[in-house]
Amino acid sequence: MNQFSLMLIFCLLSTVMVNGQKFTQDIGLGVSASTMGVGPEISYYPEKYPHFGIRFHWVQFGFNDSVHINLADKKSLDIKPTIQKQVGAFYFDYFPFKKKRWHLFAGVSYNLKQDYLFNVTTKTGVSLGGIDIQATDFGSINLGIKWSDWMPAMGFGYLGNIYKNRVLLGIDFGLSYMGSPKLQVSYEGFLETTTLDQQIPKLERNIRNYSYYPNLNFQLKYLLGKSENSKKE
């Protein structure tokens, strides 16, 4: 079991075990770790409206490690990804229960930066449909995909105390709608003899089935306001 799996299990167990009492209502500073990346978060829980809250976070994610795929007959493909993502998100929370910290959320994210680029080459050549294609004939394939800059999101979550009504741990489950995809394809080599360009609109329509992106988000935050006991004094 890798470190990420252990961290995920720990966070899930911690979320179930945290206290659900009323916490201090004020500004919170923390960190957000989600399926879209990791970054800082600021939240506000107004004392006058205890059933509501707002959150803003900025997260980023990057990956550019090469991937080597072994095929049959000692053939292989080399894929060089360039994945970079920076997202700013604003969420509105609604807490329907007085003591329990289960809540619904809705909001919108904005892609400050989104690069999903893949370069495919081979040093050994490949076999496609029983036809051997030499490395020099294969050439290279550059594939990119771009989603909408704006992504509406909604879901539910839990926010609970883990230390003196000031340190909070939260978890959200939801979906973000990424809009219609746009493919960016360029190539040289054997694909130049195909009608791939004519198939791109059809491919884009098929990829729309993946426009809903699962959003799993953990937050760890510290509230800056006065404690409830201080306010009563």
Protein backbone atom coordinates (compact mmCIF):
# COMPACT_ATOMS: atom_id res chain seq x y z
CA MET A 1 0.00 0.00 0.00
CA ASN A 2 1.53 3.35 -1.06
CA GLN A 3 1.78 6.53 0.99
CA PHE A 4 -1.13 8.19 -0.81
CA SER A 5 -3.47 5.30 0.07
CA LEU A 6 -2.41 5.44 3.72
CA MET A 7 -2.99 9.20 3.82
CA LEU A 8 -6.42 8.78 2.21
CA ILE A 9 -7.47 6.13 4.75
CA PHE A 10 -6.20 8.29 7.63
CA CYS A 11 -8.14 11.32 6.42
CA LEU A 12 -11.34 9.31 5.98
CA LEU A 13 -11.08 7.82 9.47
CA SER A 14 -10.27 11.22 10.97
CA THR A 15 -13.25 12.78 9.25
CA VAL A 16 -15.62 10.16 10.65
CA MET A 17 -14.22 10.57 14.18
CA VAL A 18 -14.09 14.37 14.43
CA ASN A 19 -16.37 16.27 16.74
CA GLY A 20 -19.51 17.74 15.22
CA GLN A 21 -20.11 20.51 17.79
CA LYS A 22 -20.49 24.13 16.82
CA PHE A 23 -17.18 25.73 15.98
CA THR A 24 -15.98 29.31 16.16
CA GLN A 25 -17.56 31.43 13.45
CA ASP A 26 -14.97 33.51 11.66
CA ILE A 27 -12.24 33.55 9.01
CA GLY A 28 -10.28 30.34 8.50
CA LEU A 29 -6.91 29.81 6.85
CA GLY A 30 -5.78 26.41 5.68
CA VAL A 31 -4.74 24.08 2.92
CA SER A 32 -6.82 22.20 0.37
CA ALA A 33 -5.78 18.90 -1.23
CA SER A 34 -8.09 17.66 -3.96
CA THR A 35 -8.24 15.72 -7.20
CA MET A 36 -7.42 19.02 -8.92
CA GLY A 37 -4.29 19.77 -6.92
CA VAL A 38 -2.97 21.20 -3.66
CA GLY A 39 -2.91 24.80 -2.45
CA PRO A 40 -4.02 27.40 0.12
CA GLU A 41 -7.62 28.03 1.16
CA ILE A 42 -9.42 30.87 2.90
CA SER A 43 -12.92 30.44 4.32
CA TYR A 44 -15.46 32.57 6.14
CA TYR A 45 -18.25 31.40 8.45
CA PRO A 46 -20.32 34.43 9.49
CA GLU A 47 -21.46 34.39 13.11
CA LYS A 48 -24.73 36.07 12.14
CA TYR A 49 -25.59 33.32 9.63
CA PRO A 50 -24.39 30.03 11.18
CA HIS A 51 -25.92 27.90 8.44
CA PHE A 52 -23.81 29.44 5.70
CA GLY A 53 -20.18 29.71 4.73
CA ILE A 54 -18.00 30.64 1.77
CA ARG A 55 -14.63 29.29 0.66
CA PHE A 56 -11.97 30.21 -1.86
CA HIS A 57 -8.96 28.11 -2.74
CA TRP A 58 -6.18 28.07 -5.31
CA VAL A 59 -4.65 24.70 -6.21
CA GLN A 60 -2.10 23.48 -8.70
CA PHE A 61 -0.96 20.17 -10.12
CA GLY A 62 1.81 19.16 -12.52
CA PHE A 63 3.14 15.97 -14.07
CA ASN A 64 5.76 15.54 -16.78
CA ASP A 65 7.41 12.15 -16.16
CA SER A 66 7.89 10.07 -19.30
CA VAL A 67 5.94 6.81 -19.62
CA HIS A 68 7.39 3.75 -21.39
CA ILE A 69 4.79 1.24 -22.61
CA ASN A 70 5.93 -2.25 -23.58
CA LEU A 71 4.03 -3.90 -26.43
CA ALA A 72 4.10 -7.34 -27.98
CA ASP A 73 7.10 -8.55 -30.01
CA LYS A 74 9.50 -6.36 -28.03
CA LYS A 75 7.87 -3.21 -29.38
CA SER A 76 7.28 -0.15 -27.23
CA LEU A 77 5.87 3.37 -27.14
CA ASP A 78 7.29 6.40 -25.34
CA ILE A 79 4.81 8.97 -24.08
CA LYS A 80 5.97 12.35 -22.82
CA PRO A 81 3.13 14.13 -20.98
CA THR A 82 3.03 17.80 -20.09
CA ILE A 83 0.23 18.21 -17.57
CA GLN A 84 -0.09 21.50 -15.71
CA LYS A 85 -3.17 22.74 -13.92
CA GLN A 86 -3.87 25.83 -11.81
CA VAL A 87 -7.39 26.36 -10.56
CA GLY A 88 -9.08 29.07 -8.50
CA ALA A 89 -12.40 28.00 -6.94
CA PHE A 90 -15.20 29.73 -5.03
CA TYR A 91 -17.73 27.64 -3.08
CA PHE A 92 -20.88 28.48 -1.15
CA ASP A 93 -21.68 26.12 1.75
CA TYR A 94 -25.05 25.46 3.34
CA PHE A 95 -25.24 23.64 6.71
CA PRO A 96 -28.84 22.37 7.20
CA PHE A 97 -28.23 20.99 10.71
CA LYS A 98 -27.44 22.96 13.85
CA LYS A 99 -24.94 20.58 15.44
CA LYS A 100 -23.95 18.25 12.64
CA ARG A 101 -21.48 19.68 10.16
CA TRP A 102 -22.81 17.93 7.08
CA HIS A 103 -23.30 20.47 4.34
CA LEU A 104 -24.15 21.00 0.70
CA PHE A 105 -21.95 23.12 -1.50
CA ALA A 106 -22.15 24.75 -4.92
CA GLY A 107 -19.72 26.98 -6.70
CA VAL A 108 -17.51 27.54 -9.69
CA SER A 109 -13.87 26.95 -10.57
CA TYR A 110 -11.75 28.81 -13.10
CA ASN A 111 -8.82 27.26 -14.94
CA LEU A 112 -6.01 29.77 -14.60
CA LYS A 113 -3.81 27.33 -16.48
CA GLN A 114 -4.58 24.03 -18.14
CA ASP A 115 -2.13 22.03 -20.26
CA TYR A 116 -2.95 18.44 -21.16
CA LEU A 117 -0.36 17.62 -23.82
CA PHE A 118 1.06 14.25 -24.86
CA ASN A 119 3.89 13.49 -27.28
CA VAL A 120 4.02 9.90 -28.55
CA THR A 121 7.10 8.39 -30.24
CA THR A 122 8.73 4.98 -30.58
CA LYS A 123 12.32 3.76 -30.82
CA THR A 124 11.39 0.21 -31.76
CA GLY A 125 8.50 0.66 -34.16
CA VAL A 126 5.04 -0.78 -33.57
CA SER A 127 2.71 -3.41 -35.00
CA LEU A 128 -0.81 -2.25 -35.82
CA GLY A 129 -3.34 -4.71 -37.20
CA GLY A 130 -0.56 -7.07 -38.22
CA ILE A 131 1.34 -4.31 -40.03
CA ASP A 132 4.82 -3.44 -38.82
CA ILE A 133 5.57 0.28 -38.75
CA GLN A 134 9.22 1.23 -38.40
CA ALA A 135 10.24 3.96 -35.96
CA THR A 136 11.23 6.31 -38.81
CA ASP A 137 7.83 5.83 -40.47
CA PHE A 138 5.92 6.20 -37.20
CA GLY A 139 7.19 9.74 -36.68
CA SER A 140 5.57 11.52 -33.73
CA ILE A 141 2.09 12.34 -32.51
CA ASN A 142 1.22 15.43 -30.46
CA LEU A 143 -2.14 15.29 -28.74
CA GLY A 144 -3.68 17.98 -26.56
CA ILE A 145 -7.09 18.51 -25.00
CA LYS A 146 -8.61 21.69 -23.63
CA TRP A 147 -11.75 21.99 -21.50
CA SER A 148 -13.82 25.02 -20.62
CA ASP A 149 -12.14 27.68 -18.47
CA TRP A 150 -15.19 27.84 -16.17
CA MET A 151 -16.30 24.73 -14.29
CA PRO A 152 -19.48 24.77 -12.15
CA ALA A 153 -19.45 22.30 -9.27
CA MET A 154 -21.76 20.93 -6.60
CA GLY A 155 -21.78 18.19 -3.97
CA PHE A 156 -21.85 17.52 -0.24
CA GLY A 157 -19.31 17.32 2.54
CA TYR A 158 -18.51 17.19 6.23
CA LEU A 159 -16.62 19.70 8.38
CA GLY A 160 -15.72 18.88 11.96
CA ASN A 161 -13.56 19.99 14.87
CA ILE A 162 -10.36 18.17 15.66
CA TYR A 163 -8.93 20.64 18.22
CA LYS A 164 -10.69 23.18 20.49
CA ASN A 165 -13.22 24.36 17.89
CA ARG A 166 -10.37 26.04 15.99
CA VAL A 167 -8.67 23.36 13.92
CA LEU A 168 -11.11 21.86 11.44
CA LEU A 169 -10.89 18.93 9.07
CA GLY A 170 -13.25 18.79 6.12
CA ILE A 171 -13.96 16.50 3.21
CA ASP A 172 -16.06 17.16 0.11
CA PHE A 173 -17.52 14.80 -2.47
CA GLY A 174 -18.83 16.34 -5.66
CA LEU A 175 -18.72 16.76 -9.42
CA SER A 176 -17.31 19.51 -11.60
CA TYR A 177 -18.62 20.05 -15.12
CA MET A 178 -15.71 20.74 -17.47
CA GLY A 179 -17.73 21.65 -20.56
CA SER A 180 -17.10 20.47 -24.12
CA PRO A 181 -13.56 19.35 -24.98
CA LYS A 182 -11.43 20.67 -27.82
CA LEU A 183 -8.79 18.37 -29.27
CA GLN A 184 -5.48 19.70 -30.54
CA VAL A 185 -3.78 17.12 -32.77
CA SER A 186 -0.64 17.38 -34.88
CA TYR A 187 1.50 14.57 -36.28
CA GLU A 188 4.08 13.52 -38.79
CA GLY A 189 4.67 10.05 -40.15
CA PHE A 190 2.21 7.28 -40.97
CA LEU A 191 -0.85 9.20 -39.69
CA GLU A 192 -0.43 11.65 -42.55
CA THR A 193 -1.85 8.97 -44.83
CA THR A 194 -5.04 8.64 -42.74
CA THR A 195 -8.25 10.68 -42.45
CA LEU A 196 -7.74 11.39 -38.74
CA ASP A 197 -8.43 15.13 -39.15
CA GLN A 198 -11.94 14.31 -40.34
CA GLN A 199 -12.56 12.14 -37.27
CA ILE A 200 -11.67 14.80 -34.68
CA PRO A 201 -15.23 16.25 -34.35
CA LYS A 202 -16.54 12.71 -33.72
CA LEU A 203 -13.83 12.08 -31.14
CA GLU A 204 -14.73 15.33 -29.36
CA ARG A 205 -18.39 14.28 -29.17
CA ASN A 206 -17.40 10.92 -27.67
CA ILE A 207 -15.14 12.54 -25.07
CA ARG A 208 -18.05 14.68 -23.82
CA ASN A 209 -19.11 11.63 -21.82
CA TYR A 210 -16.16 12.42 -19.54
CA SER A 211 -17.06 16.07 -18.97
CA TYR A 212 -18.06 15.41 -15.35
CA TYR A 213 -14.95 15.34 -13.19
CA PRO A 214 -15.12 13.74 -9.71
CA ASN A 215 -14.07 16.17 -7.02
CA LEU A 216 -12.66 14.73 -3.79
CA ASN A 217 -11.36 17.52 -1.59
CA PHE A 218 -9.74 17.49 1.87
CA GLN A 219 -9.31 20.70 3.88
CA LEU A 220 -7.34 21.36 7.02
CA LYS A 221 -7.91 24.85 8.41
CA TYR A 222 -7.42 27.04 11.46
CA LEU A 223 -10.07 29.56 12.53
CA LEU A 224 -8.80 33.01 13.55
CA GLY A 225 -11.82 34.34 15.45
CA LYS A 226 -12.41 34.54 19.19
CA SER A 227 -13.52 31.36 20.91
CA GLU A 228 -17.14 30.84 21.91
CA ASN A 229 -16.17 31.11 25.61
CA SER A 230 -14.49 34.47 25.05
CA LYS A 231 -17.59 35.78 23.33
CA LYS A 232 -19.83 34.76 26.23
CA GLU A 233 -17.62 36.67 28.67
